[in-house]
Amino acid sequence: MSYAPLPSKTIWTILTGTMIAMFLGALDQTIIAAALPTIGRELGDFDSISWVASLYLLATTAVTPLYGKISDIHGRRVTMLAAIAIFTIGSIACALAPTMLALIIARGIQGLGGGGLISLSQTIIADIIAPKERGKYQIFFASVYLLASLMGPMLGGFLTEQLHWSFIFWINLPIGLIAWVMTTNTLKLLPLHHRPHRLDIPGAILIVLATITLMLALDEGGVRMPWSSPIIIGTLIASFVLWILFIMRIRAAEEPLIPIEILANPVVSTATIAALFSMGTYVATTIFMPVYFESARGMSASDSGLALMPFMVGTVVGATLAGQTMGRLAHYKRLPLGGTLIAAIAALIIAFYQNHISIVALEALFTVIAIGLGTVLPTTTVAIQNAVKPHQLGTATGAMNFFRQLGSALLVAVFGAILINAGQGAPETASEAGDRFFVMFLATAIGFAISFVALLFMEEKPLRSSAKEAADAVIVD
């Protein structure tokens, strides 16, 4: 098999198109927030508005590994275009939804497309950029997430106030069209690493059901129902049984949805654990930090949002550092090792001294934590993609994203339970409110410490320096 490297212009065209597709999926996780009260008022159903956000997350998480496997079977181009099409159809259905139930169902459809946009973008870049150079491009993906996180709530609020809440969905049409036009022709030039495969339908059904039941329990437990509720306990038991059945399926199936070969790969397993705990800890911390800023530091809602800026910007800085140095260092995991260790120490300092340090010092420590996290994500992504065969790229990348998203949901629930248990009895002073968060910041330090240990055990395989090596790997296999 021969493979001619793509021209730089073509690579940048593909990169731009995939980043736009990724932006679509990431934006719709946050743009809905500011519009929810208006949607609930206009559609006459405030009790169900949280499902407008939750079902999208449920759907995207559940189908992420499916897109990876399907792209390995049918190719990246057709799978990416299908994801864009499904997402766009779901967006139109959301904009036209006459009732809350219709909107919730449409968000589920939208999530079925959104689940492929992010993981497929990472897989496509892995097809055209050698692992040794791939880290340099992670800055663009980190920037997309940052832009979506910052723009989403502001753009959603603006469109809802100035036009109509439906425009937060109509805006996806021109963006989706641009992504389609930019990728439909250029993706034909991707190297073909996929082989004839069969999609494990029973395995796919089991993992979707197991994921949905687990995330339903995590979404409802401790919020609408107590964790001791029979419904929550029953849902968790059902999820546990479904996960057991899924494990039995992948062990018995001739061609499982996620091959044992990938799960047993020591680089994949350790890097996934590192990414799961780093990303999950980061997401959980950022979700509950506004509560800390408002209750313990006396900030307004808008000021607490601005106080998260160093947290978000630091992630991009860390990703840039890791991306720029990864291809130059033989021991490329040393930077994320240092990053997670320093992040854990910074979290411990906040836990023990939060009531005695200034807001400036606190923001500096949050920046350090964010930079530490940023070094982990590109390193683990590239390490996983470098450790598997080219025809397994989609499956491995999809599995990584799936477990990272699932871990984030799990850790958000854990952090929420910590705060609920620590907050029995309303705090009377800002100092007492800060004491409630001691355990949460301690949990943040533990999360980064687990990530550090996983990275410590991750093997540093030499990064392939050319696309030809990837093509040759297919011949050798």
Protein backbone atom coordinates (compact mmCIF):
# COMPACT_ATOMS: atom_id res chain seq x y z
CA MET A 1 0.00 0.00 0.00
CA SER A 2 1.40 3.39 -0.95
CA TYR A 3 0.31 6.67 0.47
CA ALA A 4 1.22 10.12 -0.80
CA PRO A 5 1.19 12.84 1.87
CA LEU A 6 -1.56 15.39 1.37
CA PRO A 7 -0.62 18.94 0.33
CA SER A 8 -0.52 21.45 3.17
CA LYS A 9 -3.44 23.40 1.66
CA THR A 10 -5.62 20.28 1.61
CA ILE A 11 -4.70 19.44 5.20
CA TRP A 12 -5.70 22.92 6.34
CA THR A 13 -8.97 22.73 4.41
CA ILE A 14 -9.81 19.41 6.07
CA LEU A 15 -8.70 20.76 9.44
CA THR A 16 -10.91 23.84 9.09
CA GLY A 17 -13.94 21.81 8.02
CA THR A 18 -13.57 19.32 10.87
CA MET A 19 -13.07 22.11 13.41
CA ILE A 20 -16.32 23.71 12.24
CA ALA A 21 -18.05 20.34 12.63
CA MET A 22 -16.57 19.95 16.12
CA PHE A 23 -17.66 23.49 16.98
CA LEU A 24 -21.24 22.56 16.05
CA GLY A 25 -21.28 19.66 18.50
CA ALA A 26 -19.57 21.58 21.31
CA LEU A 27 -21.64 24.77 20.92
CA ASP A 28 -24.96 23.02 21.34
CA GLN A 29 -23.89 21.72 24.74
CA THR A 30 -23.78 25.29 26.10
CA ILE A 31 -25.88 27.57 23.85
CA ILE A 32 -29.12 26.18 25.26
CA ALA A 33 -28.46 27.32 28.86
CA ALA A 34 -29.49 30.98 28.57
CA ALA A 35 -32.58 30.14 26.51
CA LEU A 36 -34.08 27.51 28.83
CA PRO A 37 -36.21 29.87 30.99
CA THR A 38 -37.70 31.50 27.88
CA ILE A 39 -38.33 28.12 26.26
CA GLY A 40 -40.04 26.84 29.40
CA ARG A 41 -42.26 29.94 29.55
CA GLU A 42 -43.24 29.93 25.87
CA LEU A 43 -43.86 26.18 25.67
CA GLY A 44 -45.62 26.16 29.03
CA ASP A 45 -43.53 23.49 30.74
CA PHE A 46 -40.87 24.61 33.22
CA ASP A 47 -40.64 21.21 34.92
CA SER A 48 -39.12 19.54 31.86
CA ILE A 49 -36.64 22.17 30.65
CA SER A 50 -33.62 20.35 32.10
CA TRP A 51 -34.33 17.47 29.74
CA VAL A 52 -33.71 19.80 26.79
CA ALA A 53 -30.06 19.92 27.87
CA SER A 54 -29.77 16.45 29.39
CA LEU A 55 -31.11 14.41 26.48
CA TYR A 56 -28.59 15.96 24.09
CA LEU A 57 -25.77 14.90 26.41
CA LEU A 58 -27.29 11.46 26.84
CA ALA A 59 -27.54 10.89 23.10
CA THR A 60 -24.07 12.22 22.24
CA THR A 61 -22.41 10.07 24.88
CA ALA A 62 -24.31 6.91 23.99
CA VAL A 63 -23.52 6.95 20.26
CA THR A 64 -19.88 8.12 20.40
CA PRO A 65 -18.34 4.61 20.20
CA LEU A 66 -20.76 3.68 17.40
CA TYR A 67 -19.47 6.44 15.16
CA GLY A 68 -15.89 5.31 15.67
CA LYS A 69 -16.68 1.76 14.66
CA ILE A 70 -18.91 2.77 11.72
CA SER A 71 -16.18 5.07 10.38
CA ASP A 72 -13.72 2.17 10.52
CA ILE A 73 -16.20 0.12 8.48
CA HIS A 74 -17.52 2.65 5.94
CA GLY A 75 -14.91 5.40 6.01
CA ARG A 76 -14.67 8.81 7.67
CA ARG A 77 -16.26 10.87 4.89
CA VAL A 78 -19.64 9.17 4.66
CA THR A 79 -19.85 8.85 8.46
CA MET A 80 -19.00 12.52 9.06
CA LEU A 81 -21.46 13.69 6.42
CA ALA A 82 -24.15 11.48 7.97
CA ALA A 83 -23.42 13.00 11.41
CA ILE A 84 -23.70 16.54 10.00
CA ALA A 85 -26.95 15.64 8.23
CA ILE A 86 -28.54 14.06 11.33
CA PHE A 87 -27.44 17.01 13.45
CA THR A 88 -28.91 19.47 10.97
CA ILE A 89 -32.22 17.59 10.74
CA GLY A 90 -32.38 17.55 14.53
CA SER A 91 -31.68 21.29 14.63
CA ILE A 92 -34.54 22.01 12.23
CA ALA A 93 -36.86 19.83 14.31
CA CYS A 94 -35.78 21.72 17.46
CA ALA A 95 -36.44 25.12 15.87
CA LEU A 96 -39.92 24.06 14.71
CA ALA A 97 -40.89 22.17 17.89
CA PRO A 98 -44.42 23.23 18.95
CA THR A 99 -44.32 21.55 22.37
CA MET A 100 -41.76 20.74 25.05
CA LEU A 101 -42.04 17.01 24.34
CA ALA A 102 -41.35 17.61 20.65
CA LEU A 103 -38.34 19.76 21.52
CA ILE A 104 -36.92 17.13 23.87
CA ILE A 105 -37.28 14.41 21.23
CA ALA A 106 -35.70 16.69 18.62
CA ARG A 107 -32.76 17.36 20.96
CA GLY A 108 -32.27 13.62 21.18
CA ILE A 109 -32.10 13.41 17.38
CA GLN A 110 -29.70 16.34 17.33
CA GLY A 111 -27.51 14.55 19.87
CA LEU A 112 -27.41 11.43 17.69
CA GLY A 113 -25.61 13.56 15.11
CA GLY A 114 -23.60 15.61 17.59
CA GLY A 115 -22.07 12.46 19.06
CA GLY A 116 -20.13 11.89 15.86
CA LEU A 117 -18.95 15.43 15.20
CA ILE A 118 -16.34 15.64 17.96
CA SER A 119 -14.82 12.15 17.92
CA LEU A 120 -14.82 11.90 14.10
CA SER A 121 -13.00 15.24 13.85
CA GLN A 122 -10.20 13.89 16.04
CA THR A 123 -10.08 10.65 14.06
CA ILE A 124 -9.90 12.45 10.70
CA ILE A 125 -6.95 14.54 11.86
CA ALA A 126 -5.29 11.30 13.00
CA ASP A 127 -5.68 10.01 9.42
CA ILE A 128 -3.76 12.89 7.85
CA ILE A 129 -1.27 14.06 10.50
CA ALA A 130 1.59 11.88 11.72
CA PRO A 131 1.51 11.20 15.49
CA LYS A 132 4.83 13.00 15.94
CA GLU A 133 3.31 16.20 14.53
CA ARG A 134 -0.26 15.73 15.71
CA GLY A 135 0.19 17.32 19.10
CA LYS A 136 0.80 20.70 17.46
CA TYR A 137 -2.73 20.68 16.09
CA GLN A 138 -4.36 20.01 19.47
CA ILE A 139 -4.28 23.76 20.17
CA PHE A 140 -6.98 24.18 17.52
CA PHE A 141 -9.25 21.60 19.14
CA ALA A 142 -8.70 23.12 22.58
CA SER A 143 -9.49 26.54 21.13
CA VAL A 144 -12.71 25.23 19.59
CA TYR A 145 -13.87 23.96 22.98
CA LEU A 146 -12.90 27.23 24.64
CA LEU A 147 -14.70 29.29 21.98
CA ALA A 148 -17.82 27.14 22.26
CA SER A 149 -17.76 27.35 26.07
CA LEU A 150 -17.41 31.13 26.03
CA MET A 151 -19.68 31.90 23.07
CA GLY A 152 -22.46 29.44 23.84
CA PRO A 153 -24.19 31.12 26.79
CA MET A 154 -23.62 34.65 25.44
CA LEU A 155 -24.80 33.82 21.92
CA GLY A 156 -27.79 31.88 23.24
CA GLY A 157 -28.84 34.79 25.43
CA PHE A 158 -28.41 37.33 22.61
CA LEU A 159 -30.38 35.33 20.03
CA THR A 160 -33.15 34.59 22.53
CA GLU A 161 -33.53 38.21 23.64
CA GLN A 162 -33.08 39.94 20.28
CA LEU A 163 -34.76 37.43 17.94
CA HIS A 164 -36.34 34.20 19.20
CA TRP A 165 -35.13 31.13 21.06
CA SER A 166 -35.54 29.05 17.89
CA PHE A 167 -32.60 30.93 16.34
CA ILE A 168 -30.18 29.09 18.63
CA PHE A 169 -31.05 26.10 16.42
CA TRP A 170 -31.50 27.89 13.08
CA ILE A 171 -27.92 29.17 13.36
CA ASN A 172 -26.71 25.57 13.02
CA LEU A 173 -27.92 25.42 9.40
CA PRO A 174 -25.41 27.86 7.84
CA ILE A 175 -22.60 26.54 10.06
CA GLY A 176 -23.49 22.96 9.15
CA LEU A 177 -23.63 23.87 5.45
CA ILE A 178 -20.14 25.36 5.64
CA ALA A 179 -18.84 22.22 7.36
CA TRP A 180 -20.52 20.02 4.72
CA VAL A 181 -19.13 22.01 1.77
CA MET A 182 -15.61 22.14 3.20
CA THR A 183 -15.43 18.41 3.96
CA THR A 184 -17.51 16.65 1.31
CA ASN A 185 -14.83 16.85 -1.40
CA THR A 186 -11.63 17.04 0.63
CA LEU A 187 -12.51 13.99 2.73
CA LYS A 188 -12.39 11.94 -0.48
CA LEU A 189 -8.61 12.40 -0.30
CA LEU A 190 -8.27 10.69 3.08
CA PRO A 191 -6.12 7.54 3.13
CA LEU A 192 -8.29 4.42 3.28
CA HIS A 193 -7.29 2.43 6.37
CA HIS A 194 -10.66 0.86 7.04
CA ARG A 195 -11.31 -2.82 6.35
CA PRO A 196 -14.45 -4.87 5.80
CA HIS A 197 -16.14 -5.16 9.20
CA ARG A 198 -19.48 -6.04 10.66
CA LEU A 199 -21.21 -3.80 13.16
CA ASP A 200 -21.99 -5.70 16.36
CA ILE A 201 -25.67 -4.77 16.66
CA PRO A 202 -26.33 -6.56 20.00
CA GLY A 203 -23.21 -4.95 21.47
CA ALA A 204 -24.29 -1.55 20.17
CA ILE A 205 -27.75 -1.90 21.72
CA LEU A 206 -26.29 -3.00 25.05
CA ILE A 207 -23.80 -0.15 25.33
CA VAL A 208 -26.42 2.44 24.38
CA LEU A 209 -28.91 1.11 26.94
CA ALA A 210 -26.22 0.75 29.63
CA THR A 211 -25.05 4.32 29.02
CA ILE A 212 -28.54 5.83 28.98
CA THR A 213 -29.64 4.09 32.20
CA LEU A 214 -26.43 5.10 34.01
CA MET A 215 -26.63 8.73 32.88
CA LEU A 216 -30.35 8.88 33.74
CA ALA A 217 -29.52 7.80 37.27
CA LEU A 218 -26.65 10.30 37.50
CA ASP A 219 -28.83 13.09 36.12
CA GLU A 220 -31.79 12.45 38.42
CA GLY A 221 -30.07 11.16 41.57
CA GLY A 222 -29.65 13.74 44.30
CA VAL A 223 -31.47 16.34 42.17
CA ARG A 224 -35.07 15.36 41.53
CA MET A 225 -34.96 12.16 43.56
CA PRO A 226 -32.83 11.07 46.52
CA TRP A 227 -30.09 8.53 45.82
CA SER A 228 -31.98 6.10 48.06
CA SER A 229 -35.07 6.33 45.85
CA PRO A 230 -36.21 2.91 44.54
CA ILE A 231 -36.30 4.37 41.02
CA ILE A 232 -32.67 5.55 41.19
CA ILE A 233 -31.48 2.32 42.80
CA GLY A 234 -33.39 0.27 40.24
CA THR A 235 -31.96 2.30 37.36
CA LEU A 236 -28.41 1.84 38.69
CA ILE A 237 -28.96 -1.91 39.07
CA ALA A 238 -30.35 -2.09 35.52
CA SER A 239 -27.31 -0.21 34.24
CA PHE A 240 -24.95 -2.52 36.13
CA VAL A 241 -26.62 -5.60 34.62
CA LEU A 242 -26.48 -4.09 31.12
CA TRP A 243 -22.76 -3.31 31.52
CA ILE A 244 -22.11 -6.89 32.60
CA LEU A 245 -24.00 -8.14 29.56
CA PHE A 246 -22.00 -5.77 27.34
CA ILE A 247 -18.72 -7.09 28.77
CA MET A 248 -19.90 -10.65 28.17
CA ARG A 249 -20.83 -9.68 24.61
CA ILE A 250 -17.47 -8.16 23.70
CA ARG A 251 -15.73 -11.23 25.12
CA ALA A 252 -17.90 -13.61 23.09
CA ALA A 253 -18.57 -11.73 19.85
CA GLU A 254 -16.52 -12.60 16.79
CA GLU A 255 -16.14 -8.90 15.99
CA PRO A 256 -17.16 -6.84 19.07
CA LEU A 257 -18.09 -3.17 19.01
CA ILE A 258 -14.99 -2.31 21.06
CA PRO A 259 -12.43 -5.10 20.51
CA ILE A 260 -10.75 -6.61 23.56
CA GLU A 261 -7.47 -5.99 21.72
CA ILE A 262 -8.03 -2.23 22.05
CA LEU A 263 -9.30 -2.29 25.63
CA ALA A 264 -6.41 -4.53 26.68
CA ASN A 265 -3.82 -2.28 25.03
CA PRO A 266 -1.86 -0.91 28.03
CA VAL A 267 -1.39 2.48 26.40
CA VAL A 268 -5.10 2.81 25.60
CA SER A 269 -6.21 1.73 29.07
CA THR A 270 -3.81 3.92 31.06
CA ALA A 271 -4.19 6.96 28.78
CA THR A 272 -7.99 6.66 28.90
CA ILE A 273 -7.94 6.52 32.71
CA ALA A 274 -5.66 9.58 32.80
CA ALA A 275 -7.91 11.52 30.40
CA LEU A 276 -11.08 10.39 32.17
CA PHE A 277 -10.01 11.61 35.61
CA SER A 278 -8.38 14.81 34.37
CA MET A 279 -11.28 15.83 32.15
CA GLY A 280 -13.95 14.59 34.54
CA THR A 281 -12.39 16.43 37.48
CA TYR A 282 -12.07 19.59 35.39
CA VAL A 283 -15.69 19.48 34.18
CA ALA A 284 -17.05 18.78 37.66
CA THR A 285 -14.97 21.57 39.18
CA THR A 286 -16.00 24.16 36.59
CA ILE A 287 -19.68 23.26 37.03
CA PHE A 288 -19.59 23.84 40.79
CA MET A 289 -17.10 26.72 40.90
CA PRO A 290 -19.77 29.41 40.26
CA VAL A 291 -21.56 28.14 43.38
CA TYR A 292 -18.33 28.59 45.33
CA PHE A 293 -17.68 32.06 43.96
CA GLU A 294 -21.20 33.22 44.78
CA SER A 295 -21.63 31.60 48.21
CA ALA A 296 -18.10 31.79 49.60
CA ARG A 297 -16.75 34.84 47.80
CA GLY A 298 -19.93 36.88 47.50
CA MET A 299 -19.73 37.34 43.73
CA SER A 300 -22.64 38.03 41.42
CA ALA A 301 -23.67 35.49 38.80
CA SER A 302 -21.99 37.46 36.00
CA ASP A 303 -18.80 37.98 38.01
CA SER A 304 -18.61 34.30 38.86
CA GLY A 305 -18.76 33.52 35.14
CA LEU A 306 -15.89 35.89 34.45
CA ALA A 307 -13.94 34.31 37.32
CA LEU A 308 -13.89 31.05 35.32
CA MET A 309 -12.01 32.67 32.44
CA PRO A 310 -8.51 31.76 33.75
CA PHE A 311 -9.74 28.19 34.15
CA MET A 312 -10.75 28.01 30.49
CA VAL A 313 -7.85 29.97 29.00
CA GLY A 314 -5.33 27.95 31.02
CA THR A 315 -6.55 24.77 29.33
CA VAL A 316 -5.61 26.18 25.91
CA VAL A 317 -2.21 27.27 27.22
CA GLY A 318 -1.53 23.77 28.57
CA ALA A 319 -2.65 22.12 25.33
CA THR A 320 -0.39 24.46 23.36
CA LEU A 321 2.61 23.63 25.53
CA ALA A 322 2.02 19.89 25.20
CA GLY A 323 1.30 20.09 21.48
CA GLN A 324 4.41 22.10 20.69
CA THR A 325 6.76 19.90 22.72
CA MET A 326 5.32 16.43 22.20
CA GLY A 327 6.95 15.83 18.83
CA ARG A 328 10.33 17.05 20.07
CA LEU A 329 10.66 15.00 23.24
CA ALA A 330 11.30 11.29 23.48
CA HIS A 331 9.78 11.30 26.96
CA TYR A 332 6.70 13.25 25.95
CA LYS A 333 4.67 12.29 29.01
CA ARG A 334 6.92 14.21 31.39
CA LEU A 335 5.07 17.47 30.76
CA PRO A 336 1.59 16.08 31.64
CA LEU A 337 3.12 14.22 34.57
CA GLY A 338 4.39 17.52 35.90
CA GLY A 339 1.12 19.22 34.97
CA THR A 340 -1.11 16.78 36.86
CA LEU A 341 1.20 16.75 39.88
CA ILE A 342 1.26 20.55 40.08
CA ALA A 343 -2.50 20.67 39.52
CA ALA A 344 -3.05 18.25 42.41
CA ILE A 345 -0.80 20.34 44.68
CA ALA A 346 -2.60 23.55 43.66
CA ALA A 347 -5.96 21.94 44.47
CA LEU A 348 -4.65 20.90 47.90
CA ILE A 349 -3.49 24.45 48.59
CA ILE A 350 -6.96 25.76 47.70
CA ALA A 351 -8.61 23.10 49.88
CA PHE A 352 -6.62 23.98 53.00
CA TYR A 353 -6.13 27.72 52.53
CA GLN A 354 -9.14 28.91 50.51
CA ASN A 355 -10.41 31.11 53.36
CA HIS A 356 -7.03 32.81 53.77
CA ILE A 357 -5.95 33.64 50.22
CA SER A 358 -6.94 36.54 48.02
CA ILE A 359 -9.08 36.20 44.93
CA VAL A 360 -6.03 37.00 42.79
CA ALA A 361 -4.05 34.15 44.34
CA LEU A 362 -7.07 31.89 43.97
CA GLU A 363 -7.36 32.73 40.27
CA ALA A 364 -3.63 32.06 39.83
CA LEU A 365 -4.04 28.61 41.38
CA PHE A 366 -7.02 27.87 39.12
CA THR A 367 -4.91 28.87 36.13
CA VAL A 368 -2.20 26.43 37.22
CA ILE A 369 -4.79 23.65 37.52
CA ALA A 370 -6.18 24.42 34.06
CA ILE A 371 -2.72 24.45 32.47
CA GLY A 372 -2.02 21.09 34.08
CA LEU A 373 -5.21 19.65 32.62
CA GLY A 374 -4.44 21.11 29.20
CA THR A 375 -1.19 19.15 29.00
CA VAL A 376 -3.02 15.84 29.51
CA LEU A 377 -5.63 15.94 26.75
CA PRO A 378 -3.42 16.19 23.62
CA THR A 379 -0.85 13.80 25.05
CA THR A 380 -3.32 11.05 25.86
CA THR A 381 -5.22 11.46 22.58
CA VAL A 382 -2.09 11.21 20.43
CA ALA A 383 -0.63 8.39 22.56
CA ILE A 384 -3.79 6.30 22.11
CA GLN A 385 -3.96 6.93 18.37
CA ASN A 386 -0.26 6.13 18.03
CA ALA A 387 -0.65 2.83 19.91
CA VAL A 388 -3.34 1.26 17.70
CA LYS A 389 -3.37 0.14 14.10
CA PRO A 390 -4.58 2.70 11.55
CA HIS A 391 -7.71 0.72 10.75
CA GLN A 392 -8.63 0.90 14.47
CA LEU A 393 -8.25 4.68 14.79
CA GLY A 394 -11.97 5.40 14.70
CA THR A 395 -12.84 2.71 17.23
CA ALA A 396 -10.04 3.68 19.63
CA THR A 397 -10.74 7.43 19.41
CA GLY A 398 -14.47 6.88 19.80
CA ALA A 399 -13.91 4.65 22.84
CA MET A 400 -11.62 7.24 24.42
CA ASN A 401 -14.15 10.04 23.95
CA PHE A 402 -16.96 7.81 25.17
CA PHE A 403 -15.28 6.85 28.44
CA ARG A 404 -14.09 10.43 28.95
CA GLN A 405 -17.64 11.79 28.61
CA LEU A 406 -19.09 9.02 30.76
CA GLY A 407 -16.42 9.62 33.40
CA SER A 408 -17.20 13.32 33.37
CA ALA A 409 -20.87 12.63 34.04
CA LEU A 410 -19.95 10.23 36.84
CA LEU A 411 -17.58 12.68 38.51
CA VAL A 412 -20.10 15.52 38.24
CA ALA A 413 -22.53 13.31 40.17
CA VAL A 414 -19.85 12.44 42.72
CA PHE A 415 -18.89 16.10 43.26
CA GLY A 416 -22.55 17.03 43.55
CA ALA A 417 -23.11 14.34 46.18
CA ILE A 418 -20.04 15.61 48.08
CA LEU A 419 -21.40 19.14 48.19
CA ILE A 420 -24.89 18.01 49.21
CA ASN A 421 -23.52 15.90 52.05
CA ALA A 422 -21.12 18.63 53.14
CA GLY A 423 -23.85 21.25 53.05
CA GLN A 424 -26.34 19.77 55.46
CA GLY A 425 -27.72 22.88 57.12
CA ALA A 426 -27.41 26.16 55.23
CA PRO A 427 -24.09 27.96 55.86
CA GLU A 428 -24.44 31.25 57.72
CA THR A 429 -21.19 32.95 56.75
CA ALA A 430 -18.90 33.08 53.74
CA SER A 431 -16.24 31.26 55.75
CA GLU A 432 -18.64 28.45 56.56
CA ALA A 433 -19.66 28.31 52.91
CA GLY A 434 -15.98 27.93 51.99
CA ASP A 435 -15.65 25.06 54.46
CA ARG A 436 -18.34 23.21 52.51
CA PHE A 437 -16.04 23.15 49.51
CA PHE A 438 -13.03 21.74 51.36
CA VAL A 439 -13.98 18.17 50.46
CA MET A 440 -14.70 19.16 46.85
CA PHE A 441 -11.27 20.71 46.37
CA LEU A 442 -9.76 17.68 48.10
CA ALA A 443 -11.62 15.48 45.59
CA THR A 444 -10.19 17.66 42.80
CA ALA A 445 -6.68 16.95 44.06
CA ILE A 446 -7.42 13.22 44.25
CA GLY A 447 -8.77 13.22 40.68
CA PHE A 448 -5.59 14.77 39.32
CA ALA A 449 -3.49 12.43 41.48
CA ILE A 450 -5.19 9.40 39.91
CA SER A 451 -4.50 10.88 36.49
CA PHE A 452 -0.84 11.33 37.48
CA VAL A 453 -0.54 7.67 38.50
CA ALA A 454 -2.17 6.48 35.26
CA LEU A 455 0.27 8.59 33.22
CA LEU A 456 3.14 7.23 35.29
CA PHE A 457 2.27 3.71 34.14
CA MET A 458 1.53 4.69 30.51
CA GLU A 459 4.14 3.36 28.10
CA GLU A 460 5.84 5.97 25.90
CA LYS A 461 5.76 4.33 22.49
CA PRO A 462 7.89 6.20 19.92
CA LEU A 463 5.62 8.45 17.89
CA ARG A 464 5.36 7.54 14.22
CA SER A 465 6.89 10.36 12.21
CA SER A 466 5.12 9.92 8.88
CA ALA A 467 1.84 8.83 7.40
CA LYS A 468 3.72 6.20 5.42
CA GLU A 469 4.58 4.38 8.66
CA ALA A 470 0.89 4.21 9.40
CA ALA A 471 0.19 2.77 5.96
CA ASP A 472 3.00 0.24 6.35
CA ALA A 473 1.51 -0.84 9.66
CA VAL A 474 -1.58 -1.98 7.78
CA ILE A 475 0.52 -4.20 5.54
CA VAL A 476 2.41 -5.73 8.46
CA ASP A 477 -0.79 -6.46 10.39
